[in-house]
Amino acid sequence: MAAITYPLAIRSLADMFPDLLHISALASHRLHEAKDIGDPFDINAAYDAEKTVQELEPLSRIIPAVSHMHIEAAKNRAHVLRAIHATATVGAVDVLARLDEIQRTQNTTQAIINENRVMLQETRAMVMNIRLASQNAKVPQERNHYKPLQKTRSGQGRELALQVSRPESINHLPPLATIQPAALGTVPPFFDRNTDAYTLGTINSLIIFYNDDFDIEKEDNLEIRKIKFRRWLCS
């Protein structure tokens, strides 16, 4: 009877998440265990992988660096090993079908994690903006002490800028292909605290960055646009 070997490679948690190696409390939790295609069958591998999940779950509640993403990866790794072992020892499981199911579950889990991460970034930025807007509302009349609010809307606002642009500035909008949407929670690197110095181009750049038109309308002149942006900075 031919020796049983692994039909596919199973990466270690250390390979997937090198940052875990810097957490001393995880030194004894089998982070380096991996299987290559053709490796001899290890009867304890699936059990050990499941044991690692059981050990990591309570640690994730007391060590912030151990995240839900790490736990899910450890679970999926254990599921893959268990499916391979079941096929090898019992022959009752279609390992490829099981792996497809695991991949779908992992994709769904990752999508949920990404969505939660975006929501958390938006919430943090909104909370910070409440404080910043309060400070901006106290800016004296010379209007050169405003602080930039953090970005809270995903994407970029070129279409918004196009909709409210005055005819003389439409041709100066950057091509869509050159625009890289800024991350949530960031501020414009080009922000000028002296809003009196703003041009139509400056306002358009801010609209694109924040993906917000600041209630500006197409017929608004430059001074009204600056007034509306200042009002947004204080809201």
C-alpha atoms as a PDB file:
ATOM      1  CA  MET A   1       0.000   0.000   0.000  1.00  0.00           C
ATOM      2  CA  ALA A   2       1.378   3.379  -1.019  1.00  0.00           C
ATOM      3  CA  ALA A   3       2.329   5.763   1.778  1.00  0.00           C
ATOM      4  CA  ILE A   4      -0.208   8.499   2.446  1.00  0.00           C
ATOM      5  CA  THR A   5       1.063  12.001   1.698  1.00  0.00           C
ATOM      6  CA  TYR A   6      -0.405  15.504   1.683  1.00  0.00           C
ATOM      7  CA  PRO A   7      -2.030  16.422  -1.688  1.00  0.00           C
ATOM      8  CA  LEU A   8      -1.508  20.152  -1.224  1.00  0.00           C
ATOM      9  CA  ALA A   9       0.590  22.603   0.789  1.00  0.00           C
ATOM     10  CA  ILE A  10      -0.704  23.874   4.124  1.00  0.00           C
ATOM     11  CA  ARG A  11       1.003  27.116   5.125  1.00  0.00           C
ATOM     12  CA  SER A  12       1.925  27.795   8.717  1.00  0.00           C
ATOM     13  CA  LEU A  13       0.391  30.642  10.690  1.00  0.00           C
ATOM     14  CA  ALA A  14       3.877  32.149  10.896  1.00  0.00           C
ATOM     15  CA  ASP A  15       4.047  32.241   7.082  1.00  0.00           C
ATOM     16  CA  MET A  16       0.607  33.838   6.830  1.00  0.00           C
ATOM     17  CA  PHE A  17       1.108  36.315   9.677  1.00  0.00           C
ATOM     18  CA  PRO A  18       4.787  37.047  10.441  1.00  0.00           C
ATOM     19  CA  ASP A  19       3.660  39.668  12.972  1.00  0.00           C
ATOM     20  CA  LEU A  20       2.507  36.878  15.295  1.00  0.00           C
ATOM     21  CA  LEU A  21       6.141  35.860  15.795  1.00  0.00           C
ATOM     22  CA  HIS A  22       6.721  39.081  17.726  1.00  0.00           C
ATOM     23  CA  ILE A  23       4.171  38.112  20.399  1.00  0.00           C
ATOM     24  CA  SER A  24       6.088  36.255  23.094  1.00  0.00           C
ATOM     25  CA  ALA A  25       2.942  34.684  24.552  1.00  0.00           C
ATOM     26  CA  LEU A  26       2.477  32.715  21.297  1.00  0.00           C
ATOM     27  CA  ALA A  27       5.936  31.124  21.265  1.00  0.00           C
ATOM     28  CA  SER A  28       4.588  27.703  22.293  1.00  0.00           C
ATOM     29  CA  HIS A  29       1.525  27.601  20.045  1.00  0.00           C
ATOM     30  CA  ARG A  30       2.838  25.737  16.963  1.00  0.00           C
ATOM     31  CA  LEU A  31       2.930  28.772  14.689  1.00  0.00           C
ATOM     32  CA  HIS A  32       5.608  27.246  12.444  1.00  0.00           C
ATOM     33  CA  GLU A  33       3.835  23.989  11.636  1.00  0.00           C
ATOM     34  CA  ALA A  34       3.351  23.591   7.881  1.00  0.00           C
ATOM     35  CA  LYS A  35       2.878  20.831   5.316  1.00  0.00           C
ATOM     36  CA  ASP A  36       4.256  20.679   1.791  1.00  0.00           C
ATOM     37  CA  ILE A  37       2.839  18.680  -1.085  1.00  0.00           C
ATOM     38  CA  GLY A  38       4.118  15.125  -0.733  1.00  0.00           C
ATOM     39  CA  ASP A  39       4.986  15.372   2.963  1.00  0.00           C
ATOM     40  CA  PRO A  40       4.353  12.129   4.889  1.00  0.00           C
ATOM     41  CA  PHE A  41       0.992  11.947   6.618  1.00  0.00           C
ATOM     42  CA  ASP A  42       1.079  13.289  10.196  1.00  0.00           C
ATOM     43  CA  ILE A  43      -1.769  11.737  12.139  1.00  0.00           C
ATOM     44  CA  ASN A  44      -1.613  14.456  14.805  1.00  0.00           C
ATOM     45  CA  ALA A  45      -1.568  17.477  12.469  1.00  0.00           C
ATOM     46  CA  ALA A  46      -5.322  18.111  12.355  1.00  0.00           C
ATOM     47  CA  TYR A  47      -5.674  17.665  16.119  1.00  0.00           C
ATOM     48  CA  ASP A  48      -2.748  20.033  16.727  1.00  0.00           C
ATOM     49  CA  ALA A  49      -4.232  22.659  14.405  1.00  0.00           C
ATOM     50  CA  GLU A  50      -7.590  22.468  16.199  1.00  0.00           C
ATOM     51  CA  LYS A  51      -5.793  22.700  19.532  1.00  0.00           C
ATOM     52  CA  THR A  52      -4.047  25.873  18.343  1.00  0.00           C
ATOM     53  CA  VAL A  53      -7.438  27.422  17.567  1.00  0.00           C
ATOM     54  CA  GLN A  54      -8.672  26.561  21.071  1.00  0.00           C
ATOM     55  CA  GLU A  55      -5.577  28.170  22.572  1.00  0.00           C
ATOM     56  CA  LEU A  56      -5.653  31.330  20.429  1.00  0.00           C
ATOM     57  CA  GLU A  57      -9.328  32.189  20.943  1.00  0.00           C
ATOM     58  CA  PRO A  58      -9.041  33.123  24.666  1.00  0.00           C
ATOM     59  CA  LEU A  59      -5.727  34.894  24.000  1.00  0.00           C
ATOM     60  CA  SER A  60      -7.433  37.136  21.421  1.00  0.00           C
ATOM     61  CA  ARG A  61      -9.547  38.580  24.232  1.00  0.00           C
ATOM     62  CA  ILE A  62      -6.523  39.717  26.238  1.00  0.00           C
ATOM     63  CA  ILE A  63      -3.910  40.375  23.522  1.00  0.00           C
ATOM     64  CA  PRO A  64      -5.140  43.069  21.073  1.00  0.00           C
ATOM     65  CA  ALA A  65      -2.552  42.046  18.455  1.00  0.00           C
ATOM     66  CA  VAL A  66      -4.258  38.642  18.111  1.00  0.00           C
ATOM     67  CA  SER A  67      -7.221  39.563  15.926  1.00  0.00           C
ATOM     68  CA  HIS A  68     -10.362  37.923  14.590  1.00  0.00           C
ATOM     69  CA  MET A  69      -8.558  37.579  11.252  1.00  0.00           C
ATOM     70  CA  HIS A  70      -5.847  35.440  12.883  1.00  0.00           C
ATOM     71  CA  ILE A  71      -8.446  33.212  14.551  1.00  0.00           C
ATOM     72  CA  GLU A  72     -10.357  32.707  11.305  1.00  0.00           C
ATOM     73  CA  ALA A  73      -7.166  31.772   9.460  1.00  0.00           C
ATOM     74  CA  ALA A  74      -6.268  29.254  12.173  1.00  0.00           C
ATOM     75  CA  LYS A  75      -9.784  27.758  11.960  1.00  0.00           C
ATOM     76  CA  ASN A  76      -9.661  27.469   8.167  1.00  0.00           C
ATOM     77  CA  ARG A  77      -6.229  25.867   8.365  1.00  0.00           C
ATOM     78  CA  ALA A  78      -7.553  23.300  10.852  1.00  0.00           C
ATOM     79  CA  HIS A  79     -10.593  22.624   8.628  1.00  0.00           C
ATOM     80  CA  VAL A  80      -8.356  21.942   5.627  1.00  0.00           C
ATOM     81  CA  LEU A  81      -6.200  19.522   7.588  1.00  0.00           C
ATOM     82  CA  ARG A  82      -9.257  17.765   9.010  1.00  0.00           C
ATOM     83  CA  ALA A  83     -10.757  17.362   5.532  1.00  0.00           C
ATOM     84  CA  ILE A  84      -7.523  15.893   4.179  1.00  0.00           C
ATOM     85  CA  HIS A  85      -7.213  13.520   7.128  1.00  0.00           C
ATOM     86  CA  ALA A  86     -10.825  12.382   6.798  1.00  0.00           C
ATOM     87  CA  THR A  87     -10.305  11.590   3.129  1.00  0.00           C
ATOM     88  CA  ALA A  88      -7.054   9.763   3.794  1.00  0.00           C
ATOM     89  CA  THR A  89      -8.303   7.664   6.705  1.00  0.00           C
ATOM     90  CA  VAL A  90     -12.022   7.166   5.977  1.00  0.00           C
ATOM     91  CA  GLY A  91     -12.490   8.105   2.334  1.00  0.00           C
ATOM     92  CA  ALA A  92     -15.938   9.506   3.022  1.00  0.00           C
ATOM     93  CA  VAL A  93     -15.225  13.170   2.327  1.00  0.00           C
ATOM     94  CA  ASP A  94     -14.659  14.826  -1.020  1.00  0.00           C
ATOM     95  CA  VAL A  95     -11.663  16.924  -0.046  1.00  0.00           C
ATOM     96  CA  LEU A  96     -11.881  19.253  -3.052  1.00  0.00           C
ATOM     97  CA  ALA A  97     -15.537  19.980  -2.408  1.00  0.00           C
ATOM     98  CA  ARG A  98     -14.734  20.565   1.253  1.00  0.00           C
ATOM     99  CA  LEU A  99     -11.912  22.937   0.339  1.00  0.00           C
ATOM    100  CA  ASP A 100     -14.253  24.864  -1.972  1.00  0.00           C
ATOM    101  CA  GLU A 101     -16.696  25.208   0.897  1.00  0.00           C
ATOM    102  CA  ILE A 102     -13.928  26.416   3.196  1.00  0.00           C
ATOM    103  CA  GLN A 103     -12.778  28.942   0.593  1.00  0.00           C
ATOM    104  CA  ARG A 104     -16.308  30.326   0.267  1.00  0.00           C
ATOM    105  CA  THR A 105     -16.583  30.619   4.036  1.00  0.00           C
ATOM    106  CA  GLN A 106     -13.201  32.315   4.216  1.00  0.00           C
ATOM    107  CA  ASN A 107     -14.143  34.777   1.472  1.00  0.00           C
ATOM    108  CA  THR A 108     -17.375  35.643   3.261  1.00  0.00           C
ATOM    109  CA  THR A 109     -15.548  36.051   6.560  1.00  0.00           C
ATOM    110  CA  GLN A 110     -12.916  38.278   4.969  1.00  0.00           C
ATOM    111  CA  ALA A 111     -15.614  40.432   3.379  1.00  0.00           C
ATOM    112  CA  ILE A 112     -17.265  40.876   6.791  1.00  0.00           C
ATOM    113  CA  ILE A 113     -13.903  41.725   8.376  1.00  0.00           C
ATOM    114  CA  ASN A 114     -13.197  44.304   5.662  1.00  0.00           C
ATOM    115  CA  GLU A 115     -16.647  45.837   6.053  1.00  0.00           C
ATOM    116  CA  ASN A 116     -16.233  46.056   9.822  1.00  0.00           C
ATOM    117  CA  ARG A 117     -12.796  47.617   9.391  1.00  0.00           C
ATOM    118  CA  VAL A 118     -14.233  50.329   7.121  1.00  0.00           C
ATOM    119  CA  MET A 119     -17.061  51.018   9.580  1.00  0.00           C
ATOM    120  CA  LEU A 120     -14.560  51.304  12.427  1.00  0.00           C
ATOM    121  CA  GLN A 121     -12.387  53.720  10.444  1.00  0.00           C
ATOM    122  CA  GLU A 122     -15.428  55.840   9.578  1.00  0.00           C
ATOM    123  CA  THR A 123     -16.577  55.912  13.204  1.00  0.00           C
ATOM    124  CA  ARG A 124     -13.149  56.904  14.498  1.00  0.00           C
ATOM    125  CA  ALA A 125     -12.896  59.699  11.950  1.00  0.00           C
ATOM    126  CA  MET A 126     -16.401  60.961  12.780  1.00  0.00           C
ATOM    127  CA  VAL A 127     -15.648  61.018  16.505  1.00  0.00           C
ATOM    128  CA  MET A 128     -12.399  62.905  15.902  1.00  0.00           C
ATOM    129  CA  ASN A 129     -14.197  65.333  13.584  1.00  0.00           C
ATOM    130  CA  ILE A 130     -16.641  66.306  16.327  1.00  0.00           C
ATOM    131  CA  ARG A 131     -13.692  67.549  18.366  1.00  0.00           C
ATOM    132  CA  LEU A 132     -12.007  69.224  15.398  1.00  0.00           C
ATOM    133  CA  ALA A 133     -15.206  70.946  14.263  1.00  0.00           C
ATOM    134  CA  SER A 134     -15.730  72.288  17.766  1.00  0.00           C
ATOM    135  CA  GLN A 135     -12.227  73.765  17.702  1.00  0.00           C
ATOM    136  CA  ASN A 136     -12.772  75.205  14.224  1.00  0.00           C
ATOM    137  CA  ALA A 137     -15.976  76.893  15.351  1.00  0.00           C
ATOM    138  CA  LYS A 138     -13.874  79.002  17.720  1.00  0.00           C
ATOM    139  CA  VAL A 139     -11.474  80.223  15.010  1.00  0.00           C
ATOM    140  CA  PRO A 140     -11.187  84.048  15.065  1.00  0.00           C
ATOM    141  CA  GLN A 141     -12.216  86.261  12.175  1.00  0.00           C
ATOM    142  CA  GLU A 142      -8.866  86.180  10.358  1.00  0.00           C
ATOM    143  CA  ARG A 143      -9.724  82.573   9.448  1.00  0.00           C
ATOM    144  CA  ASN A 144      -6.185  81.221   9.229  1.00  0.00           C
ATOM    145  CA  HIS A 145      -6.271  78.707  12.063  1.00  0.00           C
ATOM    146  CA  TYR A 146      -8.628  76.020  10.757  1.00  0.00           C
ATOM    147  CA  LYS A 147      -7.740  72.371  11.299  1.00  0.00           C
ATOM    148  CA  PRO A 148      -8.572  69.798   8.593  1.00  0.00           C
ATOM    149  CA  LEU A 149     -11.310  67.291   9.320  1.00  0.00           C
ATOM    150  CA  GLN A 150     -10.615  63.621   8.711  1.00  0.00           C
ATOM    151  CA  LYS A 151     -11.992  61.820   5.666  1.00  0.00           C
ATOM    152  CA  THR A 152     -15.139  59.828   6.486  1.00  0.00           C
ATOM    153  CA  ARG A 153     -16.435  58.874   3.023  1.00  0.00           C
ATOM    154  CA  SER A 154     -14.861  56.095   0.987  1.00  0.00           C
ATOM    155  CA  GLY A 155     -13.796  56.715  -2.587  1.00  0.00           C
ATOM    156  CA  GLN A 156     -13.057  59.948  -4.403  1.00  0.00           C
ATOM    157  CA  GLY A 157     -15.319  62.839  -5.406  1.00  0.00           C
ATOM    158  CA  ARG A 158     -14.271  63.756  -8.943  1.00  0.00           C
ATOM    159  CA  GLU A 159     -17.834  63.312 -10.185  1.00  0.00           C
ATOM    160  CA  LEU A 160     -19.082  65.623  -7.426  1.00  0.00           C
ATOM    161  CA  ALA A 161     -16.440  68.203  -8.353  1.00  0.00           C
ATOM    162  CA  LEU A 162     -17.473  67.940 -11.995  1.00  0.00           C
ATOM    163  CA  GLN A 163     -21.142  68.496 -11.132  1.00  0.00           C
ATOM    164  CA  VAL A 164     -20.494  71.700  -9.161  1.00  0.00           C
ATOM    165  CA  SER A 165     -17.521  73.092 -11.133  1.00  0.00           C
ATOM    166  CA  ARG A 166     -17.754  76.501 -12.707  1.00  0.00           C
ATOM    167  CA  PRO A 167     -17.107  76.519 -16.472  1.00  0.00           C
ATOM    168  CA  GLU A 168     -13.678  78.093 -16.085  1.00  0.00           C
ATOM    169  CA  SER A 169     -12.395  75.265 -13.860  1.00  0.00           C
ATOM    170  CA  ILE A 170     -13.880  72.134 -15.452  1.00  0.00           C
ATOM    171  CA  ASN A 171     -10.884  71.607 -17.746  1.00  0.00           C
ATOM    172  CA  HIS A 172      -8.548  71.769 -14.770  1.00  0.00           C
ATOM    173  CA  LEU A 173      -9.963  68.701 -13.000  1.00  0.00           C
ATOM    174  CA  PRO A 174      -7.425  65.837 -12.856  1.00  0.00           C
ATOM    175  CA  PRO A 175      -8.086  62.801 -15.093  1.00  0.00           C
ATOM    176  CA  LEU A 176      -9.956  60.036 -13.303  1.00  0.00           C
ATOM    177  CA  ALA A 177      -7.128  57.552 -13.926  1.00  0.00           C
ATOM    178  CA  THR A 178      -4.687  59.716 -11.951  1.00  0.00           C
ATOM    179  CA  ILE A 179      -6.808  59.922  -8.800  1.00  0.00           C
ATOM    180  CA  GLN A 180      -5.938  57.582  -5.934  1.00  0.00           C
ATOM    181  CA  PRO A 181      -8.728  57.631  -3.306  1.00  0.00           C
ATOM    182  CA  ALA A 182      -7.415  58.652   0.099  1.00  0.00           C
ATOM    183  CA  ALA A 183      -7.774  56.351   3.099  1.00  0.00           C
ATOM    184  CA  LEU A 184     -10.485  56.925   5.663  1.00  0.00           C
ATOM    185  CA  GLY A 185      -9.286  58.895   8.668  1.00  0.00           C
ATOM    186  CA  THR A 186      -6.650  60.837   6.719  1.00  0.00           C
ATOM    187  CA  VAL A 187      -6.435  64.574   6.002  1.00  0.00           C
ATOM    188  CA  PRO A 188      -5.450  66.358   2.770  1.00  0.00           C
ATOM    189  CA  PRO A 189      -1.660  66.757   2.549  1.00  0.00           C
ATOM    190  CA  PHE A 190      -2.261  70.018   0.662  1.00  0.00           C
ATOM    191  CA  PHE A 191      -4.588  71.507   3.295  1.00  0.00           C
ATOM    192  CA  ASP A 192      -3.977  75.236   3.854  1.00  0.00           C
ATOM    193  CA  ARG A 193      -5.214  76.607   7.194  1.00  0.00           C
ATOM    194  CA  ASN A 194      -5.666  79.998   5.561  1.00  0.00           C
ATOM    195  CA  THR A 195      -8.881  79.415   3.651  1.00  0.00           C
ATOM    196  CA  ASP A 196      -8.856  82.973   2.296  1.00  0.00           C
ATOM    197  CA  ALA A 197      -6.095  81.855  -0.067  1.00  0.00           C
ATOM    198  CA  TYR A 198      -8.217  79.126  -1.667  1.00  0.00           C
ATOM    199  CA  THR A 199      -8.895  79.065  -5.400  1.00  0.00           C
ATOM    200  CA  LEU A 200     -11.566  77.223  -7.371  1.00  0.00           C
ATOM    201  CA  GLY A 201      -8.951  74.533  -7.984  1.00  0.00           C
ATOM    202  CA  THR A 202      -8.291  74.192  -4.260  1.00  0.00           C
ATOM    203  CA  ILE A 203     -11.982  73.705  -3.528  1.00  0.00           C
ATOM    204  CA  ASN A 204     -12.238  71.087  -6.283  1.00  0.00           C
ATOM    205  CA  SER A 205      -9.232  69.217  -4.889  1.00  0.00           C
ATOM    206  CA  LEU A 206     -10.883  69.153  -1.451  1.00  0.00           C
ATOM    207  CA  ILE A 207     -14.149  67.874  -2.939  1.00  0.00           C
ATOM    208  CA  ILE A 208     -12.237  65.076  -4.667  1.00  0.00           C
ATOM    209  CA  PHE A 209     -10.282  64.193  -1.525  1.00  0.00           C
ATOM    210  CA  TYR A 210     -13.228  64.146   0.885  1.00  0.00           C
ATOM    211  CA  ASN A 211     -15.787  62.832  -1.642  1.00  0.00           C
ATOM    212  CA  ASP A 212     -18.072  65.610  -0.345  1.00  0.00           C
ATOM    213  CA  ASP A 213     -19.380  68.701  -2.138  1.00  0.00           C
ATOM    214  CA  PHE A 214     -19.803  70.721   1.104  1.00  0.00           C
ATOM    215  CA  ASP A 215     -23.302  71.758  -0.125  1.00  0.00           C
ATOM    216  CA  ILE A 216     -21.695  73.801  -2.902  1.00  0.00           C
ATOM    217  CA  GLU A 217     -23.872  74.499  -5.943  1.00  0.00           C
ATOM    218  CA  LYS A 218     -22.770  75.078  -9.514  1.00  0.00           C
ATOM    219  CA  GLU A 219     -23.735  78.755  -9.533  1.00  0.00           C
ATOM    220  CA  ASP A 220     -21.786  79.574  -6.336  1.00  0.00           C
ATOM    221  CA  ASN A 221     -18.875  81.951  -6.823  1.00  0.00           C
ATOM    222  CA  LEU A 222     -15.499  81.449  -5.158  1.00  0.00           C
ATOM    223  CA  GLU A 223     -16.312  83.439  -2.019  1.00  0.00           C
ATOM    224  CA  ILE A 224     -19.529  81.499  -1.393  1.00  0.00           C
ATOM    225  CA  ARG A 225     -17.647  78.231  -1.926  1.00  0.00           C
ATOM    226  CA  LYS A 226     -15.078  79.239   0.680  1.00  0.00           C
ATOM    227  CA  ILE A 227     -17.835  80.214   3.105  1.00  0.00           C
ATOM    228  CA  LYS A 228     -19.539  76.844   2.640  1.00  0.00           C
ATOM    229  CA  PHE A 229     -16.272  74.968   3.129  1.00  0.00           C
ATOM    230  CA  ARG A 230     -15.566  76.907   6.339  1.00  0.00           C
ATOM    231  CA  ARG A 231     -19.070  76.055   7.532  1.00  0.00           C
ATOM    232  CA  TRP A 232     -18.376  72.373   6.780  1.00  0.00           C
ATOM    233  CA  LEU A 233     -15.134  72.555   8.787  1.00  0.00           C
ATOM    234  CA  CYS A 234     -17.188  73.662  11.790  1.00  0.00           C
ATOM    235  CA  SER A 235     -20.074  71.200  11.395  1.00  0.00           C
END
